[in-house]
Amino acid sequence: MGTFSVRVTLSHPEQRASLLSLDFLVDTGATWSLIPADAASSLGLVAIETRPVRTADGRRLELPLVEARFTIDGRSLTTPCLIGTADAQPLLGAVTLEAFGFAADPVQKILVPVTGLLL
């Protein structure tokens, strides 16, 4: 098993002329997706608030929250995500995965469509 990455194209939710493609590490343990600060800046994404997070090494941070347009496998949605440092590893977290209706298949190292629940 192990980790895997997927190619994601990002854009500003309202100004979609500039596109940026990055490899995102699929991280089902992360609540939010994370994009590097330089990617957010190049797309003109502006923070709307901050969110408290705890990192894998136990640090507690307040990170800027933005809305970005994600395109994965030809499907596009605007989703909230956090801005990390300029050298941050892009992460594809649970909020974005669930918005797209995807689950991680760690054996095949792909995203698979899932049926949403309304219980």
PDB file of N, CA and C in Angstrom:
ATOM      1  N   MET A   1       0.857  -1.173   0.000  1.00  0.00           N
ATOM      2  CA  MET A   1       0.000   0.000   0.000  1.00  0.00           C
ATOM      3  C   MET A   1       0.895   1.226   0.000  1.00  0.00           C
ATOM      4  N   GLY A   2       0.554   2.245   0.778  1.00  0.00           N
ATOM      5  CA  GLY A   2       1.385   3.432   0.826  1.00  0.00           C
ATOM      6  C   GLY A   2       0.672   4.658   0.306  1.00  0.00           C
ATOM      7  N   THR A   3       1.447   5.685   0.093  1.00  0.00           N
ATOM      8  CA  THR A   3       0.898   6.962  -0.354  1.00  0.00           C
ATOM      9  C   THR A   3       0.916   7.052  -1.881  1.00  0.00           C
ATOM     10  N   PHE A   4       0.129   7.995  -2.377  1.00  0.00           N
ATOM     11  CA  PHE A   4       0.163   8.268  -3.808  1.00  0.00           C
ATOM     12  C   PHE A   4      -0.271   9.698  -4.058  1.00  0.00           C
ATOM     13  N   SER A   5       0.040  10.180  -5.243  1.00  0.00           N
ATOM     14  CA  SER A   5      -0.294  11.540  -5.631  1.00  0.00           C
ATOM     15  C   SER A   5      -1.196  11.536  -6.848  1.00  0.00           C
ATOM     16  N   VAL A   6      -1.952  12.627  -6.996  1.00  0.00           N
ATOM     17  CA  VAL A   6      -2.782  12.832  -8.180  1.00  0.00           C
ATOM     18  C   VAL A   6      -2.508  14.226  -8.717  1.00  0.00           C
ATOM     19  N   ARG A   7      -2.644  14.367 -10.019  1.00  0.00           N
ATOM     20  CA  ARG A   7      -2.449  15.664 -10.673  1.00  0.00           C
ATOM     21  C   ARG A   7      -3.726  16.483 -10.529  1.00  0.00           C
ATOM     22  N   VAL A   8      -3.595  17.703 -10.029  1.00  0.00           N
ATOM     23  CA  VAL A   8      -4.712  18.611  -9.825  1.00  0.00           C
ATOM     24  C   VAL A   8      -4.385  19.918 -10.530  1.00  0.00           C
ATOM     25  N   THR A   9      -5.364  20.457 -11.234  1.00  0.00           N
ATOM     26  CA  THR A   9      -5.212  21.785 -11.824  1.00  0.00           C
ATOM     27  C   THR A   9      -6.006  22.760 -10.969  1.00  0.00           C
ATOM     28  N   LEU A  10      -5.354  23.845 -10.590  1.00  0.00           N
ATOM     29  CA  LEU A  10      -5.956  24.867  -9.741  1.00  0.00           C
ATOM     30  C   LEU A  10      -6.209  26.136 -10.527  1.00  0.00           C
ATOM     31  N   SER A  11      -7.242  26.862 -10.121  1.00  0.00           N
ATOM     32  CA  SER A  11      -7.480  28.201 -10.649  1.00  0.00           C
ATOM     33  C   SER A  11      -8.210  29.019  -9.602  1.00  0.00           C
ATOM     34  N   HIS A  12      -8.264  30.313  -9.843  1.00  0.00           N
ATOM     35  CA  HIS A  12      -9.067  31.207  -9.013  1.00  0.00           C
ATOM     36  C   HIS A  12     -10.525  30.870  -9.306  1.00  0.00           C
ATOM     37  N   PRO A  13     -11.412  30.860  -8.297  1.00  0.00           N
ATOM     38  CA  PRO A  13     -12.803  30.467  -8.553  1.00  0.00           C
ATOM     39  C   PRO A  13     -13.541  31.391  -9.515  1.00  0.00           C
ATOM     40  N   GLU A  14     -13.125  32.656  -9.617  1.00  0.00           N
ATOM     41  CA  GLU A  14     -13.821  33.605 -10.488  1.00  0.00           C
ATOM     42  C   GLU A  14     -13.005  34.028 -11.699  1.00  0.00           C
ATOM     43  N   GLN A  15     -11.690  33.944 -11.608  1.00  0.00           N
ATOM     44  CA  GLN A  15     -10.803  34.357 -12.700  1.00  0.00           C
ATOM     45  C   GLN A  15     -10.030  33.127 -13.161  1.00  0.00           C
ATOM     46  N   ARG A  16     -10.600  32.414 -14.092  1.00  0.00           N
ATOM     47  CA  ARG A  16     -10.059  31.091 -14.433  1.00  0.00           C
ATOM     48  C   ARG A  16      -9.067  31.101 -15.592  1.00  0.00           C
ATOM     49  N   ALA A  17      -8.574  32.276 -15.960  1.00  0.00           N
ATOM     50  CA  ALA A  17      -7.632  32.350 -17.079  1.00  0.00           C
ATOM     51  C   ALA A  17      -6.286  31.726 -16.718  1.00  0.00           C
ATOM     52  N   SER A  18      -5.838  31.916 -15.477  1.00  0.00           N
ATOM     53  CA  SER A  18      -4.564  31.342 -15.036  1.00  0.00           C
ATOM     54  C   SER A  18      -4.813  29.979 -14.410  1.00  0.00           C
ATOM     55  N   LEU A  19      -4.061  29.000 -14.897  1.00  0.00           N
ATOM     56  CA  LEU A  19      -4.161  27.641 -14.372  1.00  0.00           C
ATOM     57  C   LEU A  19      -2.802  27.203 -13.864  1.00  0.00           C
ATOM     58  N   LEU A  20      -2.827  26.375 -12.844  1.00  0.00           N
ATOM     59  CA  LEU A  20      -1.596  25.845 -12.283  1.00  0.00           C
ATOM     60  C   LEU A  20      -1.826  24.381 -11.955  1.00  0.00           C
ATOM     61  N   SER A  21      -0.989  23.498 -12.494  1.00  0.00           N
ATOM     62  CA  SER A  21      -1.114  22.060 -12.221  1.00  0.00           C
ATOM     63  C   SER A  21      -0.019  21.620 -11.265  1.00  0.00           C
ATOM     64  N   LEU A  22      -0.434  20.887 -10.233  1.00  0.00           N
ATOM     65  CA  LEU A  22       0.482  20.387  -9.210  1.00  0.00           C
ATOM     66  C   LEU A  22       0.139  18.947  -8.872  1.00  0.00           C
ATOM     67  N   ASP A  23       1.135  18.208  -8.387  1.00  0.00           N
ATOM     68  CA  ASP A  23       0.897  16.864  -7.876  1.00  0.00           C
ATOM     69  C   ASP A  23       0.557  16.975  -6.396  1.00  0.00           C
ATOM     70  N   PHE A  24      -0.640  16.505  -6.026  1.00  0.00           N
ATOM     71  CA  PHE A  24      -1.121  16.553  -4.652  1.00  0.00           C
ATOM     72  C   PHE A  24      -0.996  15.177  -4.021  1.00  0.00           C
ATOM     73  N   LEU A  25      -0.426  15.118  -2.835  1.00  0.00           N
ATOM     74  CA  LEU A  25      -0.384  13.888  -2.058  1.00  0.00           C
ATOM     75  C   LEU A  25      -1.782  13.648  -1.501  1.00  0.00           C
ATOM     76  N   VAL A  26      -2.354  12.490  -1.760  1.00  0.00           N
ATOM     77  CA  VAL A  26      -3.675  12.157  -1.234  1.00  0.00           C
ATOM     78  C   VAL A  26      -3.506  11.850   0.246  1.00  0.00           C
ATOM     79  N   ASP A  27      -4.179  12.653   1.087  1.00  0.00           N
ATOM     80  CA  ASP A  27      -4.007  12.547   2.536  1.00  0.00           C
ATOM     81  C   ASP A  27      -5.373  12.474   3.203  1.00  0.00           C
ATOM     82  N   THR A  28      -5.902  11.258   3.333  1.00  0.00           N
ATOM     83  CA  THR A  28      -7.234  11.081   3.918  1.00  0.00           C
ATOM     84  C   THR A  28      -7.263  11.423   5.396  1.00  0.00           C
ATOM     85  N   GLY A  29      -6.109  11.583   6.024  1.00  0.00           N
ATOM     86  CA  GLY A  29      -6.041  11.987   7.420  1.00  0.00           C
ATOM     87  C   GLY A  29      -6.095  13.488   7.605  1.00  0.00           C
ATOM     88  N   ALA A  30      -5.954  14.237   6.525  1.00  0.00           N
ATOM     89  CA  ALA A  30      -6.017  15.699   6.590  1.00  0.00           C
ATOM     90  C   ALA A  30      -7.449  16.148   6.347  1.00  0.00           C
ATOM     91  N   THR A  31      -7.931  17.041   7.182  1.00  0.00           N
ATOM     92  CA  THR A  31      -9.281  17.578   6.982  1.00  0.00           C
ATOM     93  C   THR A  31      -9.321  18.417   5.720  1.00  0.00           C
ATOM     94  N   TRP A  32      -8.392  19.349   5.615  1.00  0.00           N
ATOM     95  CA  TRP A  32      -8.385  20.313   4.511  1.00  0.00           C
ATOM     96  C   TRP A  32      -7.323  19.968   3.485  1.00  0.00           C
ATOM     97  N   SER A  33      -7.541  20.383   2.256  1.00  0.00           N
ATOM     98  CA  SER A  33      -6.469  20.360   1.262  1.00  0.00           C
ATOM     99  C   SER A  33      -5.542  21.522   1.575  1.00  0.00           C
ATOM    100  N   LEU A  34      -4.302  21.415   1.133  1.00  0.00           N
ATOM    101  CA  LEU A  34      -3.291  22.428   1.403  1.00  0.00           C
ATOM    102  C   LEU A  34      -2.558  22.757   0.119  1.00  0.00           C
ATOM    103  N   ILE A  35      -2.409  24.051  -0.166  1.00  0.00           N
ATOM    104  CA  ILE A  35      -1.640  24.472  -1.332  1.00  0.00           C
ATOM    105  C   ILE A  35      -0.487  25.363  -0.873  1.00  0.00           C
ATOM    106  N   PRO A  36       0.628  25.328  -1.598  1.00  0.00           N
ATOM    107  CA  PRO A  36       1.758  26.184  -1.233  1.00  0.00           C
ATOM    108  C   PRO A  36       1.412  27.666  -1.399  1.00  0.00           C
ATOM    109  N   ALA A  37       2.042  28.497  -0.573  1.00  0.00           N
ATOM    110  CA  ALA A  37       1.781  29.938  -0.604  1.00  0.00           C
ATOM    111  C   ALA A  37       2.066  30.544  -1.970  1.00  0.00           C
ATOM    112  N   ASP A  38       3.143  30.098  -2.631  1.00  0.00           N
ATOM    113  CA  ASP A  38       3.460  30.685  -3.936  1.00  0.00           C
ATOM    114  C   ASP A  38       2.408  30.324  -4.985  1.00  0.00           C
ATOM    115  N   ALA A  39       1.801  29.157  -4.882  1.00  0.00           N
ATOM    116  CA  ALA A  39       0.720  28.772  -5.806  1.00  0.00           C
ATOM    117  C   ALA A  39      -0.497  29.653  -5.572  1.00  0.00           C
ATOM    118  N   ALA A  40      -0.852  29.874  -4.302  1.00  0.00           N
ATOM    119  CA  ALA A  40      -1.995  30.732  -3.979  1.00  0.00           C
ATOM    120  C   ALA A  40      -1.766  32.142  -4.487  1.00  0.00           C
ATOM    121  N   SER A  41      -0.568  32.644  -4.290  1.00  0.00           N
ATOM    122  CA  SER A  41      -0.228  34.000  -4.727  1.00  0.00           C
ATOM    123  C   SER A  41      -0.293  34.127  -6.246  1.00  0.00           C
ATOM    124  N   SER A  42       0.250  33.141  -6.959  1.00  0.00           N
ATOM    125  CA  SER A  42       0.270  33.226  -8.428  1.00  0.00           C
ATOM    126  C   SER A  42      -1.137  33.185  -9.027  1.00  0.00           C
ATOM    127  N   LEU A  43      -2.079  32.588  -8.305  1.00  0.00           N
ATOM    128  CA  LEU A  43      -3.467  32.527  -8.781  1.00  0.00           C
ATOM    129  C   LEU A  43      -4.322  33.682  -8.258  1.00  0.00           C
ATOM    130  N   GLY A  44      -3.735  34.517  -7.416  1.00  0.00           N
ATOM    131  CA  GLY A  44      -4.475  35.649  -6.862  1.00  0.00           C
ATOM    132  C   GLY A  44      -5.487  35.261  -5.803  1.00  0.00           C
ATOM    133  N   LEU A  45      -5.257  34.143  -5.124  1.00  0.00           N
ATOM    134  CA  LEU A  45      -6.175  33.699  -4.077  1.00  0.00           C
ATOM    135  C   LEU A  45      -5.929  34.490  -2.795  1.00  0.00           C
ATOM    136  N   VAL A  46      -6.999  35.002  -2.215  1.00  0.00           N
ATOM    137  CA  VAL A  46      -6.900  35.834  -1.016  1.00  0.00           C
ATOM    138  C   VAL A  46      -7.628  35.134   0.127  1.00  0.00           C
ATOM    139  N   ALA A  47      -6.983  35.092   1.287  1.00  0.00           N
ATOM    140  CA  ALA A  47      -7.558  34.421   2.457  1.00  0.00           C
ATOM    141  C   ALA A  47      -8.854  35.095   2.885  1.00  0.00           C
ATOM    142  N   ILE A  48      -9.841  34.262   3.235  1.00  0.00           N
ATOM    143  CA  ILE A  48     -11.116  34.783   3.720  1.00  0.00           C
ATOM    144  C   ILE A  48     -11.212  34.669   5.241  1.00  0.00           C
ATOM    145  N   GLU A  49     -10.389  33.815   5.831  1.00  0.00           N
ATOM    146  CA  GLU A  49     -10.293  33.659   7.281  1.00  0.00           C
ATOM    147  C   GLU A  49      -9.139  32.712   7.561  1.00  0.00           C
ATOM    148  N   THR A  50      -8.961  32.343   8.823  1.00  0.00           N
ATOM    149  CA  THR A  50      -7.946  31.354   9.184  1.00  0.00           C
ATOM    150  C   THR A  50      -8.622  30.178   9.880  1.00  0.00           C
ATOM    151  N   ARG A  51      -7.937  29.064   9.882  1.00  0.00           N
ATOM    152  CA  ARG A  51      -8.429  27.860  10.551  1.00  0.00           C
ATOM    153  C   ARG A  51      -7.331  27.276  11.424  1.00  0.00           C
ATOM    154  N   PRO A  52      -7.698  26.832  12.625  1.00  0.00           N
ATOM    155  CA  PRO A  52      -6.700  26.165  13.467  1.00  0.00           C
ATOM    156  C   PRO A  52      -6.503  24.725  12.990  1.00  0.00           C
ATOM    157  N   VAL A  53      -5.249  24.305  12.978  1.00  0.00           N
ATOM    158  CA  VAL A  53      -4.927  22.920  12.591  1.00  0.00           C
ATOM    159  C   VAL A  53      -3.834  22.389  13.502  1.00  0.00           C
ATOM    160  N   ARG A  54      -3.760  21.070  13.574  1.00  0.00           N
ATOM    161  CA  ARG A  54      -2.667  20.389  14.257  1.00  0.00           C
ATOM    162  C   ARG A  54      -1.938  19.574  13.203  1.00  0.00           C
ATOM    163  N   THR A  55      -0.632  19.704  13.140  1.00  0.00           N
ATOM    164  CA  THR A  55       0.158  19.014  12.134  1.00  0.00           C
ATOM    165  C   THR A  55       0.523  17.601  12.610  1.00  0.00           C
ATOM    166  N   ALA A  56       1.027  16.804  11.703  1.00  0.00           N
ATOM    167  CA  ALA A  56       1.400  15.423  12.028  1.00  0.00           C
ATOM    168  C   ALA A  56       2.464  15.367  13.122  1.00  0.00           C
ATOM    169  N   ASP A  57       3.306  16.397  13.214  1.00  0.00           N
ATOM    170  CA  ASP A  57       4.338  16.411  14.255  1.00  0.00           C
ATOM    171  C   ASP A  57       3.877  17.101  15.539  1.00  0.00           C
ATOM    172  N   GLY A  58       2.569  17.393  15.635  1.00  0.00           N
ATOM    173  CA  GLY A  58       1.994  17.911  16.871  1.00  0.00           C
ATOM    174  C   GLY A  58       1.926  19.420  17.008  1.00  0.00           C
ATOM    175  N   ARG A  59       2.472  20.158  16.035  1.00  0.00           N
ATOM    176  CA  ARG A  59       2.398  21.623  16.122  1.00  0.00           C
ATOM    177  C   ARG A  59       0.965  22.092  15.907  1.00  0.00           C
ATOM    178  N   ARG A  60       0.629  23.198  16.528  1.00  0.00           N
ATOM    179  CA  ARG A  60      -0.675  23.830  16.322  1.00  0.00           C
ATOM    180  C   ARG A  60      -0.440  25.132  15.564  1.00  0.00           C
ATOM    181  N   LEU A  61      -1.181  25.300  14.462  1.00  0.00           N
ATOM    182  CA  LEU A  61      -1.011  26.458  13.584  1.00  0.00           C
ATOM    183  C   LEU A  61      -2.358  27.080  13.269  1.00  0.00           C
ATOM    184  N   GLU A  62      -2.345  28.325  12.886  1.00  0.00           N
ATOM    185  CA  GLU A  62      -3.502  29.010  12.298  1.00  0.00           C
ATOM    186  C   GLU A  62      -3.118  29.266  10.852  1.00  0.00           C
ATOM    187  N   LEU A  63      -3.819  28.649   9.912  1.00  0.00           N
ATOM    188  CA  LEU A  63      -3.475  28.805   8.501  1.00  0.00           C
ATOM    189  C   LEU A  63      -4.574  29.542   7.755  1.00  0.00           C
ATOM    190  N   PRO A  64      -4.186  30.329   6.747  1.00  0.00           N
ATOM    191  CA  PRO A  64      -5.164  31.040   5.936  1.00  0.00           C
ATOM    192  C   PRO A  64      -6.033  30.068   5.140  1.00  0.00           C
ATOM    193  N   LEU A  65      -7.321  30.376   5.063  1.00  0.00           N
ATOM    194  CA  LEU A  65      -8.289  29.582   4.303  1.00  0.00           C
ATOM    195  C   LEU A  65      -8.684  30.371   3.057  1.00  0.00           C
ATOM    196  N   VAL A  66      -8.654  29.720   1.901  1.00  0.00           N
ATOM    197  CA  VAL A  66      -9.074  30.323   0.633  1.00  0.00           C
ATOM    198  C   VAL A  66     -10.061  29.392  -0.050  1.00  0.00           C
ATOM    199  N   GLU A  67     -10.712  29.904  -1.067  1.00  0.00           N
ATOM    200  CA  GLU A  67     -11.504  29.068  -1.958  1.00  0.00           C
ATOM    201  C   GLU A  67     -10.759  28.990  -3.279  1.00  0.00           C
ATOM    202  N   ALA A  68     -10.585  27.779  -3.774  1.00  0.00           N
ATOM    203  CA  ALA A  68      -9.875  27.565  -5.030  1.00  0.00           C
ATOM    204  C   ALA A  68     -10.680  26.611  -5.900  1.00  0.00           C
ATOM    205  N   ARG A  69     -10.517  26.747  -7.195  1.00  0.00           N
ATOM    206  CA  ARG A  69     -11.161  25.840  -8.147  1.00  0.00           C
ATOM    207  C   ARG A  69     -10.210  24.682  -8.385  1.00  0.00           C
ATOM    208  N   PHE A  70     -10.634  23.464  -8.048  1.00  0.00           N
ATOM    209  CA  PHE A  70      -9.847  22.248  -8.250  1.00  0.00           C
ATOM    210  C   PHE A  70     -10.407  21.510  -9.457  1.00  0.00           C
ATOM    211  N   THR A  71      -9.541  21.042 -10.338  1.00  0.00           N
ATOM    212  CA  THR A  71      -9.952  20.167 -11.432  1.00  0.00           C
ATOM    213  C   THR A  71      -9.190  18.855 -11.295  1.00  0.00           C
ATOM    214  N   ILE A  72      -9.967  17.775 -11.139  1.00  0.00           N
ATOM    215  CA  ILE A  72      -9.410  16.431 -10.972  1.00  0.00           C
ATOM    216  C   ILE A  72     -10.138  15.511 -11.935  1.00  0.00           C
ATOM    217  N   ASP A  73      -9.400  14.815 -12.754  1.00  0.00           N
ATOM    218  CA  ASP A  73      -9.987  13.867 -13.713  1.00  0.00           C
ATOM    219  C   ASP A  73     -11.102  14.510 -14.542  1.00  0.00           C
ATOM    220  N   GLY A  74     -10.886  15.749 -14.984  1.00  0.00           N
ATOM    221  CA  GLY A  74     -11.851  16.415 -15.853  1.00  0.00           C
ATOM    222  C   GLY A  74     -13.040  17.030 -15.152  1.00  0.00           C
ATOM    223  N   ARG A  75     -13.150  16.880 -13.843  1.00  0.00           N
ATOM    224  CA  ARG A  75     -14.252  17.477 -13.081  1.00  0.00           C
ATOM    225  C   ARG A  75     -13.726  18.652 -12.282  1.00  0.00           C
ATOM    226  N   SER A  76     -14.518  19.739 -12.215  1.00  0.00           N
ATOM    227  CA  SER A  76     -14.084  20.946 -11.514  1.00  0.00           C
ATOM    228  C   SER A  76     -15.077  21.357 -10.447  1.00  0.00           C
ATOM    229  N   LEU A  77     -14.546  21.748  -9.290  1.00  0.00           N
ATOM    230  CA  LEU A  77     -15.343  22.262  -8.180  1.00  0.00           C
ATOM    231  C   LEU A  77     -14.550  23.318  -7.437  1.00  0.00           C
ATOM    232  N   THR A  78     -15.251  24.277  -6.870  1.00  0.00           N
ATOM    233  CA  THR A  78     -14.626  25.223  -5.958  1.00  0.00           C
ATOM    234  C   THR A  78     -14.737  24.646  -4.558  1.00  0.00           C
ATOM    235  N   THR A  79     -13.607  24.634  -3.854  1.00  0.00           N
ATOM    236  CA  THR A  79     -13.567  24.031  -2.524  1.00  0.00           C
ATOM    237  C   THR A  79     -12.660  24.842  -1.606  1.00  0.00           C
ATOM    238  N   PRO A  80     -12.949  24.850  -0.319  1.00  0.00           N
ATOM    239  CA  PRO A  80     -12.041  25.532   0.603  1.00  0.00           C
ATOM    240  C   PRO A  80     -10.745  24.741   0.752  1.00  0.00           C
ATOM    241  N   CYS A  81      -9.657  25.475   0.936  1.00  0.00           N
ATOM    242  CA  CYS A  81      -8.369  24.832   1.190  1.00  0.00           C
ATOM    243  C   CYS A  81      -7.497  25.798   1.983  1.00  0.00           C
ATOM    244  N   LEU A  82      -6.446  25.271   2.557  1.00  0.00           N
ATOM    245  CA  LEU A  82      -5.542  26.071   3.367  1.00  0.00           C
ATOM    246  C   LEU A  82      -4.295  26.425   2.572  1.00  0.00           C
ATOM    247  N   ILE A  83      -3.665  27.525   2.980  1.00  0.00           N
ATOM    248  CA  ILE A  83      -2.403  27.937   2.377  1.00  0.00           C
ATOM    249  C   ILE A  83      -1.277  27.600   3.341  1.00  0.00           C
ATOM    250  N   GLY A  84      -0.311  26.840   2.835  1.00  0.00           N
ATOM    251  CA  GLY A  84       0.868  26.504   3.624  1.00  0.00           C
ATOM    252  C   GLY A  84       2.034  27.407   3.272  1.00  0.00           C
ATOM    253  N   THR A  85       3.214  27.002   3.650  1.00  0.00           N
ATOM    254  CA  THR A  85       4.426  27.752   3.312  1.00  0.00           C
ATOM    255  C   THR A  85       4.693  27.625   1.814  1.00  0.00           C
ATOM    256  N   ALA A  86       5.635  28.409   1.320  1.00  0.00           N
ATOM    257  CA  ALA A  86       5.954  28.384  -0.112  1.00  0.00           C
ATOM    258  C   ALA A  86       6.430  27.004  -0.569  1.00  0.00           C
ATOM    259  N   ASP A  87       7.095  26.262   0.332  1.00  0.00           N
ATOM    260  CA  ASP A  87       7.620  24.942  -0.043  1.00  0.00           C
ATOM    261  C   ASP A  87       6.750  23.784   0.453  1.00  0.00           C
ATOM    262  N   ALA A  88       5.530  24.088   0.871  1.00  0.00           N
ATOM    263  CA  ALA A  88       4.639  23.050   1.414  1.00  0.00           C
ATOM    264  C   ALA A  88       4.276  22.013   0.353  1.00  0.00           C
ATOM    265  N   GLN A  89       4.199  20.766   0.780  1.00  0.00           N
ATOM    266  CA  GLN A  89       3.721  19.678  -0.087  1.00  0.00           C
ATOM    267  C   GLN A  89       2.221  19.863  -0.292  1.00  0.00           C
ATOM    268  N   PRO A  90       1.736  19.982  -1.528  1.00  0.00           N
ATOM    269  CA  PRO A  90       0.288  20.064  -1.734  1.00  0.00           C
ATOM    270  C   PRO A  90      -0.389  18.782  -1.234  1.00  0.00           C
ATOM    271  N   LEU A  91      -1.452  18.954  -0.451  1.00  0.00           N
ATOM    272  CA  LEU A  91      -2.193  17.827   0.107  1.00  0.00           C
ATOM    273  C   LEU A  91      -3.632  17.864  -0.376  1.00  0.00           C
ATOM    274  N   LEU A  92      -4.175  16.720  -0.716  1.00  0.00           N
ATOM    275  CA  LEU A  92      -5.575  16.580  -1.080  1.00  0.00           C
ATOM    276  C   LEU A  92      -6.288  15.951   0.113  1.00  0.00           C
ATOM    277  N   GLY A  93      -7.034  16.774   0.856  1.00  0.00           N
ATOM    278  CA  GLY A  93      -7.652  16.339   2.102  1.00  0.00           C
ATOM    279  C   GLY A  93      -9.093  15.894   1.958  1.00  0.00           C
ATOM    280  N   ALA A  94      -9.667  15.520   3.089  1.00  0.00           N
ATOM    281  CA  ALA A  94     -10.992  14.902   3.132  1.00  0.00           C
ATOM    282  C   ALA A  94     -12.107  15.810   2.619  1.00  0.00           C
ATOM    283  N   VAL A  95     -12.071  17.109   2.935  1.00  0.00           N
ATOM    284  CA  VAL A  95     -13.145  18.006   2.491  1.00  0.00           C
ATOM    285  C   VAL A  95     -13.233  18.010   0.967  1.00  0.00           C
ATOM    286  N   THR A  96     -12.103  18.139   0.310  1.00  0.00           N
ATOM    287  CA  THR A  96     -12.085  18.153  -1.158  1.00  0.00           C
ATOM    288  C   THR A  96     -12.459  16.787  -1.721  1.00  0.00           C
ATOM    289  N   LEU A  97     -11.913  15.721  -1.148  1.00  0.00           N
ATOM    290  CA  LEU A  97     -12.242  14.375  -1.633  1.00  0.00           C
ATOM    291  C   LEU A  97     -13.745  14.115  -1.538  1.00  0.00           C
ATOM    292  N   GLU A  98     -14.343  14.478  -0.409  1.00  0.00           N
ATOM    293  CA  GLU A  98     -15.777  14.244  -0.236  1.00  0.00           C
ATOM    294  C   GLU A  98     -16.604  15.124  -1.160  1.00  0.00           C
ATOM    295  N   ALA A  99     -16.177  16.367  -1.380  1.00  0.00           N
ATOM    296  CA  ALA A  99     -16.904  17.252  -2.296  1.00  0.00           C
ATOM    297  C   ALA A  99     -16.936  16.657  -3.702  1.00  0.00           C
ATOM    298  N   PHE A 100     -15.839  16.047  -4.107  1.00  0.00           N
ATOM    299  CA  PHE A 100     -15.768  15.424  -5.435  1.00  0.00           C
ATOM    300  C   PHE A 100     -16.427  14.044  -5.474  1.00  0.00           C
ATOM    301  N   GLY A 101     -16.722  13.471  -4.317  1.00  0.00           N
ATOM    302  CA  GLY A 101     -17.266  12.116  -4.287  1.00  0.00           C
ATOM    303  C   GLY A 101     -16.218  11.070  -4.587  1.00  0.00           C
ATOM    304  N   PHE A 102     -14.995  11.295  -4.106  1.00  0.00           N
ATOM    305  CA  PHE A 102     -13.885  10.373  -4.315  1.00  0.00           C
ATOM    306  C   PHE A 102     -13.460   9.739  -2.996  1.00  0.00           C
ATOM    307  N   ALA A 103     -12.957   8.523  -3.087  1.00  0.00           N
ATOM    308  CA  ALA A 103     -12.273   7.857  -1.986  1.00  0.00           C
ATOM    309  C   ALA A 103     -10.918   7.399  -2.512  1.00  0.00           C
ATOM    310  N   ALA A 104      -9.979   7.248  -1.606  1.00  0.00           N
ATOM    311  CA  ALA A 104      -8.651   6.784  -1.992  1.00  0.00           C
ATOM    312  C   ALA A 104      -8.615   5.264  -1.994  1.00  0.00           C
ATOM    313  N   ASP A 105      -8.093   4.696  -3.066  1.00  0.00           N
ATOM    314  CA  ASP A 105      -7.809   3.265  -3.124  1.00  0.00           C
ATOM    315  C   ASP A 105      -6.293   3.124  -3.010  1.00  0.00           C
ATOM    316  N   PRO A 106      -5.790   2.839  -1.795  1.00  0.00           N
ATOM    317  CA  PRO A 106      -4.342   2.822  -1.594  1.00  0.00           C
ATOM    318  C   PRO A 106      -3.646   1.621  -2.243  1.00  0.00           C
ATOM    319  N   VAL A 107      -4.386   0.585  -2.576  1.00  0.00           N
ATOM    320  CA  VAL A 107      -3.779  -0.579  -3.218  1.00  0.00           C
ATOM    321  C   VAL A 107      -3.489  -0.273  -4.683  1.00  0.00           C
ATOM    322  N   GLN A 108      -4.507   0.243  -5.391  1.00  0.00           N
ATOM    323  CA  GLN A 108      -4.319   0.590  -6.805  1.00  0.00           C
ATOM    324  C   GLN A 108      -3.705   1.979  -6.983  1.00  0.00           C
ATOM    325  N   LYS A 109      -3.655   2.764  -5.886  1.00  0.00           N
ATOM    326  CA  LYS A 109      -3.118   4.125  -5.898  1.00  0.00           C
ATOM    327  C   LYS A 109      -3.870   5.011  -6.877  1.00  0.00           C
ATOM    328  N   ILE A 110      -5.212   4.994  -6.722  1.00  0.00           N
ATOM    329  CA  ILE A 110      -6.085   5.827  -7.544  1.00  0.00           C
ATOM    330  C   ILE A 110      -7.223   6.375  -6.684  1.00  0.00           C
ATOM    331  N   LEU A 111      -7.892   7.382  -7.213  1.00  0.00           N
ATOM    332  CA  LEU A 111      -9.129   7.860  -6.607  1.00  0.00           C
ATOM    333  C   LEU A 111     -10.284   7.143  -7.273  1.00  0.00           C
ATOM    334  N   VAL A 112     -11.244   6.713  -6.467  1.00  0.00           N
ATOM    335  CA  VAL A 112     -12.398   5.995  -7.002  1.00  0.00           C
ATOM    336  C   VAL A 112     -13.673   6.749  -6.609  1.00  0.00           C
ATOM    337  N   PRO A 113     -14.663   6.769  -7.505  1.00  0.00           N
ATOM    338  CA  PRO A 113     -15.919   7.424  -7.167  1.00  0.00           C
ATOM    339  C   PRO A 113     -16.693   6.636  -6.115  1.00  0.00           C
ATOM    340  N   VAL A 114     -17.345   7.383  -5.213  1.00  0.00           N
ATOM    341  CA  VAL A 114     -18.168   6.763  -4.176  1.00  0.00           C
ATOM    342  C   VAL A 114     -19.531   7.438  -4.168  1.00  0.00           C
ATOM    343  N   THR A 115     -20.501   6.729  -3.683  1.00  0.00           N
ATOM    344  CA  THR A 115     -21.841   7.272  -3.554  1.00  0.00           C
ATOM    345  C   THR A 115     -21.933   8.015  -2.232  1.00  0.00           C
ATOM    346  N   GLY A 116     -22.436   9.236  -2.269  1.00  0.00           N
ATOM    347  CA  GLY A 116     -22.616  10.037  -1.062  1.00  0.00           C
ATOM    348  C   GLY A 116     -23.743   9.490  -0.219  1.00  0.00           C
ATOM    349  N   LEU A 117     -23.750   9.896   1.045  1.00  0.00           N
ATOM    350  CA  LEU A 117     -24.769   9.426   1.977  1.00  0.00           C
ATOM    351  C   LEU A 117     -25.651  10.576   2.435  1.00  0.00           C
ATOM    352  N   LEU A 118     -26.935  10.334   2.525  1.00  0.00           N
ATOM    353  CA  LEU A 118     -27.891  11.237   3.145  1.00  0.00           C
ATOM    354  C   LEU A 118     -28.715  10.386   4.086  1.00  0.00           C
ATOM    355  N   LEU A 119     -28.314  10.319   5.329  1.00  0.00           N
ATOM    356  CA  LEU A 119     -28.991   9.446   6.292  1.00  0.00           C
ATOM    357  C   LEU A 119     -29.789  10.243   7.279  1.00  0.00           C
TER     358      LEU A 119
END
